[in-house]
Amino acid sequence: MRELGDVLAETREVAERTEHQMRQFFPIRPHGRPAPVPAPR
């Protein structure tokens, strides 16, 4: 049986990895608003 602390630590790691990956596609400015999408050329 897994310890509760292990589950929480694993959940936190997955959340941090997911956030990092999402920021590559949806950059967020420090004040919390998304960065503008560049206009197509």
PDB file of N, CA and C in Angstrom:
ATOM      1  N   MET A   1       0.842  -1.193   0.000  1.00  0.00           N
ATOM      2  CA  MET A   1       0.000   0.000   0.000  1.00  0.00           C
ATOM      3  C   MET A   1       0.876   1.241   0.000  1.00  0.00           C
ATOM      4  N   ARG A   2       0.511   2.225  -0.822  1.00  0.00           N
ATOM      5  CA  ARG A   2       1.305   3.449  -0.923  1.00  0.00           C
ATOM      6  C   ARG A   2       0.971   4.389   0.220  1.00  0.00           C
ATOM      7  N   GLU A   3       1.981   5.105   0.613  1.00  0.00           N
ATOM      8  CA  GLU A   3       1.783   6.102   1.662  1.00  0.00           C
ATOM      9  C   GLU A   3       1.103   7.331   1.059  1.00  0.00           C
ATOM     10  N   LEU A   4       0.307   8.001   1.843  1.00  0.00           N
ATOM     11  CA  LEU A   4      -0.392   9.196   1.383  1.00  0.00           C
ATOM     12  C   LEU A   4       0.594  10.257   0.921  1.00  0.00           C
ATOM     13  N   GLY A   5       1.707  10.421   1.635  1.00  0.00           N
ATOM     14  CA  GLY A   5       2.721  11.407   1.256  1.00  0.00           C
ATOM     15  C   GLY A   5       3.284  11.144  -0.125  1.00  0.00           C
ATOM     16  N   ASP A   6       3.437   9.870  -0.491  1.00  0.00           N
ATOM     17  CA  ASP A   6       3.940   9.525  -1.815  1.00  0.00           C
ATOM     18  C   ASP A   6       2.954   9.949  -2.902  1.00  0.00           C
ATOM     19  N   VAL A   7       1.691   9.741  -2.652  1.00  0.00           N
ATOM     20  CA  VAL A   7       0.663  10.115  -3.621  1.00  0.00           C
ATOM     21  C   VAL A   7       0.651  11.631  -3.802  1.00  0.00           C
ATOM     22  N   LEU A   8       0.721  12.371  -2.723  1.00  0.00           N
ATOM     23  CA  LEU A   8       0.723  13.835  -2.812  1.00  0.00           C
ATOM     24  C   LEU A   8       1.956  14.338  -3.541  1.00  0.00           C
ATOM     25  N   ALA A   9       3.113  13.770  -3.248  1.00  0.00           N
ATOM     26  CA  ALA A   9       4.349  14.194  -3.913  1.00  0.00           C
ATOM     27  C   ALA A   9       4.282  13.885  -5.410  1.00  0.00           C
ATOM     28  N   GLU A  10       3.776  12.715  -5.754  1.00  0.00           N
ATOM     29  CA  GLU A  10       3.669  12.346  -7.170  1.00  0.00           C
ATOM     30  C   GLU A  10       2.677  13.254  -7.896  1.00  0.00           C
ATOM     31  N   THR A  11       1.569  13.559  -7.253  1.00  0.00           N
ATOM     32  CA  THR A  11       0.573  14.449  -7.841  1.00  0.00           C
ATOM     33  C   THR A  11       1.166  15.830  -8.092  1.00  0.00           C
ATOM     34  N   ARG A  12       1.920  16.329  -7.133  1.00  0.00           N
ATOM     35  CA  ARG A  12       2.560  17.645  -7.275  1.00  0.00           C
ATOM     36  C   ARG A  12       3.542  17.636  -8.447  1.00  0.00           C
ATOM     37  N   GLU A  13       4.338  16.586  -8.566  1.00  0.00           N
ATOM     38  CA  GLU A  13       5.311  16.495  -9.657  1.00  0.00           C
ATOM     39  C   GLU A  13       4.616  16.472 -11.020  1.00  0.00           C
ATOM     40  N   VAL A  14       3.541  15.708 -11.129  1.00  0.00           N
ATOM     41  CA  VAL A  14       2.800  15.639 -12.394  1.00  0.00           C
ATOM     42  C   VAL A  14       2.195  17.003 -12.714  1.00  0.00           C
ATOM     43  N   ALA A  15       1.648  17.674 -11.723  1.00  0.00           N
ATOM     44  CA  ALA A  15       1.056  19.001 -11.940  1.00  0.00           C
ATOM     45  C   ALA A  15       2.113  20.002 -12.400  1.00  0.00           C
ATOM     46  N   GLU A  16       3.290  19.959 -11.791  1.00  0.00           N
ATOM     47  CA  GLU A  16       4.360  20.883 -12.183  1.00  0.00           C
ATOM     48  C   GLU A  16       4.836  20.601 -13.598  1.00  0.00           C
ATOM     49  N   ARG A  17       4.953  19.315 -13.953  1.00  0.00           N
ATOM     50  CA  ARG A  17       5.366  18.946 -15.316  1.00  0.00           C
ATOM     51  C   ARG A  17       4.328  19.406 -16.329  1.00  0.00           C
ATOM     52  N   THR A  18       3.049  19.202 -15.999  1.00  0.00           N
ATOM     53  CA  THR A  18       1.966  19.602 -16.894  1.00  0.00           C
ATOM     54  C   THR A  18       1.959  21.119 -17.071  1.00  0.00           C
ATOM     55  N   GLU A  19       2.127  21.848 -15.983  1.00  0.00           N
ATOM     56  CA  GLU A  19       2.156  23.311 -16.072  1.00  0.00           C
ATOM     57  C   GLU A  19       3.308  23.773 -16.957  1.00  0.00           C
ATOM     58  N   HIS A  20       4.468  23.173 -16.779  1.00  0.00           N
ATOM     59  CA  HIS A  20       5.631  23.536 -17.592  1.00  0.00           C
ATOM     60  C   HIS A  20       5.347  23.288 -19.076  1.00  0.00           C
ATOM     61  N   GLN A  21       4.757  22.138 -19.394  1.00  0.00           N
ATOM     62  CA  GLN A  21       4.449  21.813 -20.785  1.00  0.00           C
ATOM     63  C   GLN A  21       3.408  22.775 -21.353  1.00  0.00           C
ATOM     64  N   MET A  22       2.395  23.102 -20.574  1.00  0.00           N
ATOM     65  CA  MET A  22       1.351  24.009 -21.050  1.00  0.00           C
ATOM     66  C   MET A  22       1.892  25.412 -21.303  1.00  0.00           C
ATOM     67  N   ARG A  23       2.832  25.850 -20.468  1.00  0.00           N
ATOM     68  CA  ARG A  23       3.413  27.185 -20.666  1.00  0.00           C
ATOM     69  C   ARG A  23       4.189  27.288 -21.972  1.00  0.00           C
ATOM     70  N   GLN A  24       4.652  26.159 -22.492  1.00  0.00           N
ATOM     71  CA  GLN A  24       5.348  26.197 -23.782  1.00  0.00           C
ATOM     72  C   GLN A  24       4.373  26.537 -24.904  1.00  0.00           C
ATOM     73  N   PHE A  25       3.114  26.148 -24.752  1.00  0.00           N
ATOM     74  CA  PHE A  25       2.102  26.404 -25.772  1.00  0.00           C
ATOM     75  C   PHE A  25       1.273  27.642 -25.477  1.00  0.00           C
ATOM     76  N   PHE A  26       1.084  27.944 -24.188  1.00  0.00           N
ATOM     77  CA  PHE A  26       0.258  29.078 -23.767  1.00  0.00           C
ATOM     78  C   PHE A  26       1.043  29.908 -22.763  1.00  0.00           C
ATOM     79  N   PRO A  27       1.966  30.753 -23.252  1.00  0.00           N
ATOM     80  CA  PRO A  27       2.769  31.543 -22.308  1.00  0.00           C
ATOM     81  C   PRO A  27       1.886  32.453 -21.445  1.00  0.00           C
ATOM     82  N   ILE A  28       2.159  32.478 -20.162  1.00  0.00           N
ATOM     83  CA  ILE A  28       1.400  33.292 -19.219  1.00  0.00           C
ATOM     84  C   ILE A  28       2.328  34.386 -18.680  1.00  0.00           C
ATOM     85  N   ARG A  29       1.828  35.596 -18.709  1.00  0.00           N
ATOM     86  CA  ARG A  29       2.599  36.703 -18.137  1.00  0.00           C
ATOM     87  C   ARG A  29       2.500  36.658 -16.615  1.00  0.00           C
ATOM     88  N   PRO A  30       3.449  37.293 -15.910  1.00  0.00           N
ATOM     89  CA  PRO A  30       3.437  37.252 -14.443  1.00  0.00           C
ATOM     90  C   PRO A  30       2.127  37.739 -13.818  1.00  0.00           C
ATOM     91  N   HIS A  31       1.428  38.689 -14.447  1.00  0.00           N
ATOM     92  CA  HIS A  31       0.184  39.199 -13.864  1.00  0.00           C
ATOM     93  C   HIS A  31      -0.998  38.289 -14.162  1.00  0.00           C
ATOM     94  N   GLY A  32      -0.763  37.168 -14.837  1.00  0.00           N
ATOM     95  CA  GLY A  32      -1.788  36.161 -14.993  1.00  0.00           C
ATOM     96  C   GLY A  32      -2.561  36.192 -16.294  1.00  0.00           C
ATOM     97  N   ARG A  33      -2.294  37.128 -17.173  1.00  0.00           N
ATOM     98  CA  ARG A  33      -2.998  37.163 -18.442  1.00  0.00           C
ATOM     99  C   ARG A  33      -2.137  36.498 -19.519  1.00  0.00           C
ATOM    100  N   PRO A  34      -2.769  35.832 -20.459  1.00  0.00           N
ATOM    101  CA  PRO A  34      -1.998  35.189 -21.529  1.00  0.00           C
ATOM    102  C   PRO A  34      -1.272  36.214 -22.397  1.00  0.00           C
ATOM    103  N   ALA A  35      -0.128  35.832 -22.905  1.00  0.00           N
ATOM    104  CA  ALA A  35       0.609  36.694 -23.813  1.00  0.00           C
ATOM    105  C   ALA A  35      -0.165  36.766 -25.122  1.00  0.00           C
ATOM    106  N   PRO A  36      -0.078  37.898 -25.842  1.00  0.00           N
ATOM    107  CA  PRO A  36      -0.787  37.995 -27.111  1.00  0.00           C
ATOM    108  C   PRO A  36      -0.232  36.995 -28.125  1.00  0.00           C
ATOM    109  N   VAL A  37      -1.113  36.495 -28.956  1.00  0.00           N
ATOM    110  CA  VAL A  37      -0.692  35.564 -30.012  1.00  0.00           C
ATOM    111  C   VAL A  37      -0.156  36.386 -31.168  1.00  0.00           C
ATOM    112  N   PRO A  38       1.024  36.035 -31.669  1.00  0.00           N
ATOM    113  CA  PRO A  38       1.566  36.803 -32.801  1.00  0.00           C
ATOM    114  C   PRO A  38       0.651  36.721 -34.020  1.00  0.00           C
ATOM    115  N   ALA A  39       0.544  37.841 -34.739  1.00  0.00           N
ATOM    116  CA  ALA A  39      -0.287  37.883 -35.941  1.00  0.00           C
ATOM    117  C   ALA A  39       0.352  37.054 -37.033  1.00  0.00           C
ATOM    118  N   PRO A  40      -0.437  36.323 -37.811  1.00  0.00           N
ATOM    119  CA  PRO A  40       0.132  35.557 -38.917  1.00  0.00           C
ATOM    120  C   PRO A  40       0.704  36.484 -39.978  1.00  0.00           C
ATOM    121  N   ARG A  41       1.730  36.018 -40.646  1.00  0.00           N
ATOM    122  CA  ARG A  41       2.353  36.849 -41.694  1.00  0.00           C
ATOM    123  C   ARG A  41       1.820  36.507 -43.044  1.00  0.00           C
TER     124      ARG A  41
END
